[in-house]
Amino acid sequence: QALKPMITGHQTRHDPHRGRYLKPQRLHADKAYDVPHLRKWLWGKHIGVRIARKGIESSERLGRRRWVIERTMSWLTGYRRLNHRYERQPRNYLAFLGLAATLCCYKRLLRLTT
């Protein structure tokens, strides 16, 4: 149910050098999104689909691309305040989310530079 609003809400970037807009080229998702009408809808938007089919493909091959997202979400859930959504105001939650993402990037940068 959340895939269509997420794709329509995803803003395209404008490339000033080429004078065109860049949109998502491909979508990687797990078996939960293996619904025929979603595949047709994405095909109509000219977005390539890489979704494991239920009962046919294993999700191990998709994991090569998705592990980056899973790892990042795992890092963010390490911050207790974000884990259970203590904040009621969305603006406060987004502020803490930005702070946690900044700390994750900083820690990763320290690890790469030392």
N, C-alpha and C. Protein backbone atom coordinates (compact mmCIF):
# COMPACT_ATOMS: atom_id res chain seq x y z
N GLN A 1 0.81 -1.20 0.00
CA GLN A 1 0.00 0.00 0.00
C GLN A 1 0.85 1.26 0.00
N ALA A 2 2.08 1.16 0.49
CA ALA A 2 2.90 2.36 0.60
C ALA A 2 3.83 2.55 -0.60
N LEU A 3 3.87 1.59 -1.50
CA LEU A 3 4.80 1.70 -2.62
C LEU A 3 4.42 2.81 -3.59
N LYS A 4 3.16 2.90 -3.95
CA LYS A 4 2.73 3.93 -4.90
C LYS A 4 2.95 5.35 -4.37
N PRO A 5 2.54 5.66 -3.13
CA PRO A 5 2.83 7.01 -2.63
C PRO A 5 4.32 7.31 -2.52
N MET A 6 5.11 6.28 -2.21
CA MET A 6 6.55 6.51 -2.11
C MET A 6 7.15 6.84 -3.48
N ILE A 7 6.76 6.12 -4.50
CA ILE A 7 7.28 6.35 -5.85
C ILE A 7 6.79 7.69 -6.39
N THR A 8 5.52 8.00 -6.19
CA THR A 8 5.00 9.28 -6.69
C THR A 8 5.58 10.46 -5.90
N GLY A 9 5.90 10.25 -4.64
CA GLY A 9 6.46 11.32 -3.82
C GLY A 9 7.95 11.50 -4.02
N HIS A 10 8.58 10.53 -4.67
CA HIS A 10 10.02 10.63 -4.90
C HIS A 10 10.28 11.70 -5.95
N GLN A 11 11.00 12.71 -5.55
CA GLN A 11 11.23 13.81 -6.47
C GLN A 11 12.32 13.46 -7.46
N THR A 12 12.12 13.86 -8.69
CA THR A 12 13.15 13.65 -9.69
C THR A 12 14.17 14.78 -9.59
N ARG A 13 15.39 14.46 -9.92
CA ARG A 13 16.46 15.45 -9.88
C ARG A 13 16.66 16.05 -11.26
N HIS A 14 16.96 17.31 -11.30
CA HIS A 14 17.22 17.98 -12.58
C HIS A 14 18.72 18.05 -12.80
N ASP A 15 19.17 17.56 -13.94
CA ASP A 15 20.57 17.62 -14.31
C ASP A 15 20.79 18.84 -15.18
N PRO A 16 21.42 19.90 -14.66
CA PRO A 16 21.55 21.13 -15.46
C PRO A 16 22.48 20.97 -16.66
N HIS A 17 23.42 20.03 -16.58
CA HIS A 17 24.35 19.85 -17.70
C HIS A 17 23.67 19.20 -18.90
N ARG A 18 22.80 18.27 -18.64
CA ARG A 18 22.11 17.58 -19.74
C ARG A 18 20.75 18.20 -20.04
N GLY A 19 20.24 18.99 -19.11
CA GLY A 19 18.95 19.63 -19.33
C GLY A 19 17.77 18.70 -19.25
N ARG A 20 17.87 17.66 -18.44
CA ARG A 20 16.75 16.74 -18.30
C ARG A 20 16.60 16.31 -16.85
N TYR A 21 15.50 15.66 -16.59
CA TYR A 21 15.21 15.20 -15.24
C TYR A 21 15.60 13.72 -15.12
N LEU A 22 16.17 13.38 -13.98
CA LEU A 22 16.55 12.00 -13.71
C LEU A 22 15.50 11.38 -12.81
N LYS A 23 15.05 10.21 -13.16
CA LYS A 23 14.06 9.51 -12.36
C LYS A 23 14.62 8.15 -11.98
N PRO A 24 14.00 7.46 -11.03
CA PRO A 24 14.50 6.13 -10.66
C PRO A 24 14.46 5.20 -11.87
N GLN A 25 15.53 4.45 -12.05
CA GLN A 25 15.63 3.52 -13.18
C GLN A 25 15.13 2.12 -12.83
N ARG A 26 15.41 1.69 -11.60
CA ARG A 26 15.12 0.32 -11.23
C ARG A 26 14.69 0.25 -9.78
N LEU A 27 13.79 -0.67 -9.48
CA LEU A 27 13.31 -0.87 -8.12
C LEU A 27 13.66 -2.28 -7.68
N HIS A 28 14.35 -2.41 -6.57
CA HIS A 28 14.65 -3.71 -5.97
C HIS A 28 13.75 -3.86 -4.75
N ALA A 29 13.03 -4.96 -4.68
CA ALA A 29 12.12 -5.16 -3.55
C ALA A 29 12.03 -6.64 -3.22
N ASP A 30 11.47 -6.93 -2.05
CA ASP A 30 11.34 -8.33 -1.65
C ASP A 30 10.00 -8.90 -2.12
N LYS A 31 9.73 -10.13 -1.71
CA LYS A 31 8.56 -10.85 -2.21
C LYS A 31 7.23 -10.24 -1.80
N ALA A 32 7.24 -9.40 -0.79
CA ALA A 32 5.99 -8.78 -0.35
C ALA A 32 5.40 -7.88 -1.43
N TYR A 33 6.23 -7.39 -2.33
CA TYR A 33 5.77 -6.48 -3.40
C TYR A 33 5.50 -7.21 -4.70
N ASP A 34 5.46 -8.53 -4.67
CA ASP A 34 5.19 -9.31 -5.87
C ASP A 34 3.69 -9.38 -6.11
N VAL A 35 3.15 -8.29 -6.61
CA VAL A 35 1.72 -8.18 -6.92
C VAL A 35 1.62 -7.72 -8.38
N PRO A 36 0.82 -8.40 -9.19
CA PRO A 36 0.78 -8.06 -10.62
C PRO A 36 0.43 -6.61 -10.92
N HIS A 37 -0.52 -6.04 -10.18
CA HIS A 37 -0.91 -4.66 -10.50
C HIS A 37 0.21 -3.67 -10.18
N LEU A 38 1.06 -3.96 -9.17
CA LEU A 38 2.20 -3.09 -8.88
C LEU A 38 3.25 -3.18 -9.98
N ARG A 39 3.47 -4.41 -10.47
CA ARG A 39 4.43 -4.57 -11.57
C ARG A 39 3.96 -3.80 -12.81
N LYS A 40 2.68 -3.87 -13.13
CA LYS A 40 2.14 -3.14 -14.29
C LYS A 40 2.23 -1.64 -14.08
N TRP A 41 1.94 -1.20 -12.88
CA TRP A 41 1.99 0.23 -12.58
C TRP A 41 3.40 0.76 -12.73
N LEU A 42 4.39 0.01 -12.21
CA LEU A 42 5.78 0.43 -12.33
C LEU A 42 6.25 0.38 -13.79
N TRP A 43 5.80 -0.60 -14.53
CA TRP A 43 6.14 -0.71 -15.94
C TRP A 43 5.59 0.50 -16.70
N GLY A 44 4.39 0.95 -16.34
CA GLY A 44 3.80 2.12 -16.96
C GLY A 44 4.57 3.40 -16.65
N LYS A 45 5.27 3.42 -15.51
CA LYS A 45 6.10 4.57 -15.14
C LYS A 45 7.52 4.45 -15.70
N HIS A 46 7.78 3.40 -16.47
CA HIS A 46 9.09 3.13 -17.07
C HIS A 46 10.17 2.93 -16.01
N ILE A 47 9.81 2.20 -14.96
CA ILE A 47 10.75 1.86 -13.90
C ILE A 47 10.97 0.36 -13.94
N GLY A 48 12.22 -0.05 -14.08
CA GLY A 48 12.54 -1.47 -14.10
C GLY A 48 12.25 -2.11 -12.76
N VAL A 49 11.86 -3.36 -12.78
CA VAL A 49 11.45 -4.04 -11.56
C VAL A 49 12.35 -5.25 -11.34
N ARG A 50 12.87 -5.36 -10.14
CA ARG A 50 13.62 -6.54 -9.73
C ARG A 50 13.03 -7.00 -8.41
N ILE A 51 11.96 -7.79 -8.53
CA ILE A 51 11.23 -8.30 -7.37
C ILE A 51 11.25 -9.81 -7.44
N ALA A 52 11.63 -10.46 -6.35
CA ALA A 52 11.60 -11.92 -6.31
C ALA A 52 10.16 -12.39 -6.38
N ARG A 53 9.93 -13.40 -7.19
CA ARG A 53 8.57 -13.94 -7.32
C ARG A 53 8.30 -14.94 -6.21
N LYS A 54 7.09 -14.89 -5.68
CA LYS A 54 6.71 -15.78 -4.59
C LYS A 54 6.72 -17.23 -5.09
N GLY A 55 7.39 -18.10 -4.33
CA GLY A 55 7.40 -19.51 -4.66
C GLY A 55 8.33 -19.89 -5.80
N ILE A 56 8.98 -18.94 -6.45
CA ILE A 56 9.84 -19.26 -7.59
C ILE A 56 11.29 -18.91 -7.28
N GLU A 57 11.55 -17.66 -6.96
CA GLU A 57 12.91 -17.19 -6.72
C GLU A 57 13.19 -17.06 -5.23
N SER A 58 14.44 -17.30 -4.89
CA SER A 58 14.84 -17.03 -3.51
C SER A 58 15.23 -15.57 -3.42
N SER A 59 15.17 -15.04 -2.24
CA SER A 59 15.50 -13.63 -2.07
C SER A 59 17.00 -13.44 -1.82
N GLU A 60 17.81 -14.50 -1.94
CA GLU A 60 19.24 -14.36 -1.73
C GLU A 60 19.89 -13.51 -2.82
N ARG A 61 19.44 -13.65 -4.05
CA ARG A 61 20.03 -12.87 -5.14
C ARG A 61 19.70 -11.39 -5.00
N LEU A 62 18.52 -11.09 -4.49
CA LEU A 62 18.17 -9.69 -4.28
C LEU A 62 18.95 -9.09 -3.12
N GLY A 63 19.38 -9.91 -2.20
CA GLY A 63 20.07 -9.43 -1.02
C GLY A 63 21.35 -8.69 -1.32
N ARG A 64 21.97 -8.97 -2.47
CA ARG A 64 23.21 -8.30 -2.81
C ARG A 64 23.02 -6.79 -2.90
N ARG A 65 21.88 -6.36 -3.37
CA ARG A 65 21.61 -4.93 -3.50
C ARG A 65 20.92 -4.36 -2.26
N ARG A 66 20.06 -5.16 -1.64
CA ARG A 66 19.26 -4.66 -0.53
C ARG A 66 20.00 -4.62 0.79
N TRP A 67 21.12 -5.29 0.92
CA TRP A 67 21.79 -5.34 2.21
C TRP A 67 22.24 -3.97 2.66
N VAL A 68 22.49 -3.05 1.76
CA VAL A 68 22.90 -1.70 2.13
C VAL A 68 21.79 -1.02 2.92
N ILE A 69 20.57 -1.16 2.46
CA ILE A 69 19.42 -0.55 3.14
C ILE A 69 19.19 -1.23 4.49
N GLU A 70 19.25 -2.56 4.49
CA GLU A 70 19.03 -3.30 5.73
C GLU A 70 20.09 -2.93 6.77
N ARG A 71 21.34 -2.79 6.33
CA ARG A 71 22.42 -2.43 7.24
C ARG A 71 22.21 -1.04 7.81
N THR A 72 21.80 -0.10 6.96
CA THR A 72 21.59 1.27 7.42
C THR A 72 20.44 1.33 8.41
N MET A 73 19.36 0.61 8.14
CA MET A 73 18.24 0.58 9.08
C MET A 73 18.68 -0.05 10.41
N SER A 74 19.55 -1.03 10.34
CA SER A 74 20.06 -1.65 11.56
C SER A 74 20.87 -0.65 12.37
N TRP A 75 21.69 0.17 11.70
CA TRP A 75 22.45 1.19 12.40
C TRP A 75 21.52 2.19 13.07
N LEU A 76 20.47 2.59 12.37
CA LEU A 76 19.57 3.60 12.93
C LEU A 76 18.77 3.07 14.11
N THR A 77 18.44 1.77 14.11
CA THR A 77 17.69 1.23 15.23
C THR A 77 18.56 1.06 16.46
N GLY A 78 19.87 1.26 16.32
CA GLY A 78 20.76 1.23 17.47
C GLY A 78 20.56 2.43 18.38
N TYR A 79 19.91 3.46 17.88
CA TYR A 79 19.63 4.64 18.69
C TYR A 79 18.26 4.46 19.34
N ARG A 80 18.28 4.35 20.66
CA ARG A 80 17.08 3.97 21.41
C ARG A 80 15.90 4.90 21.17
N ARG A 81 16.17 6.16 21.02
CA ARG A 81 15.08 7.12 20.87
C ARG A 81 14.33 6.91 19.55
N LEU A 82 15.00 6.42 18.54
CA LEU A 82 14.36 6.17 17.24
C LEU A 82 13.70 4.80 17.19
N ASN A 83 14.18 3.89 18.00
CA ASN A 83 13.73 2.51 17.89
C ASN A 83 12.24 2.34 18.17
N HIS A 84 11.74 2.97 19.21
CA HIS A 84 10.32 2.78 19.57
C HIS A 84 9.47 4.00 19.30
N ARG A 85 10.02 4.96 18.64
CA ARG A 85 9.31 6.20 18.28
C ARG A 85 8.73 6.88 19.51
N TYR A 86 9.63 7.34 20.38
CA TYR A 86 9.21 8.04 21.58
C TYR A 86 8.62 9.40 21.27
N GLU A 87 9.10 10.02 20.22
CA GLU A 87 8.64 11.37 19.88
C GLU A 87 7.27 11.32 19.22
N ARG A 88 6.38 12.16 19.64
CA ARG A 88 5.04 12.20 19.05
C ARG A 88 4.98 13.16 17.86
N GLN A 89 5.76 14.21 17.92
CA GLN A 89 5.77 15.20 16.85
C GLN A 89 6.65 14.71 15.70
N PRO A 90 6.14 14.68 14.48
CA PRO A 90 6.95 14.22 13.34
C PRO A 90 8.20 15.06 13.13
N ARG A 91 8.12 16.34 13.40
CA ARG A 91 9.28 17.21 13.17
C ARG A 91 10.40 16.85 14.15
N ASN A 92 10.06 16.50 15.39
CA ASN A 92 11.09 16.08 16.35
C ASN A 92 11.69 14.74 15.95
N TYR A 93 10.84 13.82 15.51
CA TYR A 93 11.33 12.50 15.07
C TYR A 93 12.28 12.65 13.89
N LEU A 94 11.93 13.49 12.93
CA LEU A 94 12.80 13.70 11.77
C LEU A 94 14.11 14.36 12.17
N ALA A 95 14.06 15.24 13.17
CA ALA A 95 15.29 15.87 13.65
C ALA A 95 16.22 14.83 14.28
N PHE A 96 15.66 13.93 15.09
CA PHE A 96 16.48 12.88 15.69
C PHE A 96 16.97 11.90 14.63
N LEU A 97 16.16 11.65 13.63
CA LEU A 97 16.57 10.76 12.54
C LEU A 97 17.75 11.36 11.78
N GLY A 98 17.67 12.65 11.51
CA GLY A 98 18.80 13.33 10.85
C GLY A 98 20.05 13.31 11.70
N LEU A 99 19.89 13.50 12.99
CA LEU A 99 21.03 13.47 13.90
C LEU A 99 21.65 12.07 13.94
N ALA A 100 20.82 11.04 13.99
CA ALA A 100 21.33 9.67 14.01
C ALA A 100 22.04 9.34 12.69
N ALA A 101 21.49 9.78 11.57
CA ALA A 101 22.14 9.53 10.28
C ALA A 101 23.49 10.24 10.21
N THR A 102 23.55 11.45 10.75
CA THR A 102 24.81 12.18 10.78
C THR A 102 25.84 11.46 11.62
N LEU A 103 25.43 10.95 12.77
CA LEU A 103 26.35 10.21 13.63
C LEU A 103 26.82 8.92 12.96
N CYS A 104 25.92 8.24 12.26
CA CYS A 104 26.31 7.02 11.54
C CYS A 104 27.34 7.33 10.46
N CYS A 105 27.12 8.39 9.72
CA CYS A 105 28.07 8.78 8.66
C CYS A 105 29.42 9.18 9.27
N TYR A 106 29.38 9.91 10.37
CA TYR A 106 30.61 10.33 11.03
C TYR A 106 31.41 9.13 11.53
N LYS A 107 30.73 8.17 12.14
CA LYS A 107 31.42 6.97 12.62
C LYS A 107 32.02 6.16 11.46
N ARG A 108 31.29 6.09 10.38
CA ARG A 108 31.79 5.38 9.20
C ARG A 108 33.00 6.10 8.60
N LEU A 109 32.94 7.41 8.56
CA LEU A 109 34.07 8.20 8.04
C LEU A 109 35.30 8.03 8.91
N LEU A 110 35.12 8.01 10.22
CA LEU A 110 36.26 7.80 11.12
C LEU A 110 36.88 6.43 10.89
N ARG A 111 36.06 5.42 10.68
CA ARG A 111 36.56 4.08 10.46
C ARG A 111 37.34 3.99 9.15
N LEU A 112 36.89 4.70 8.13
CA LEU A 112 37.56 4.65 6.83
C LEU A 112 38.84 5.45 6.79
N THR A 113 38.95 6.49 7.60
CA THR A 113 40.12 7.36 7.54
C THR A 113 41.21 6.96 8.54
N THR A 114 40.93 6.07 9.46
CA THR A 114 41.98 5.67 10.43
C THR A 114 42.57 4.34 10.09
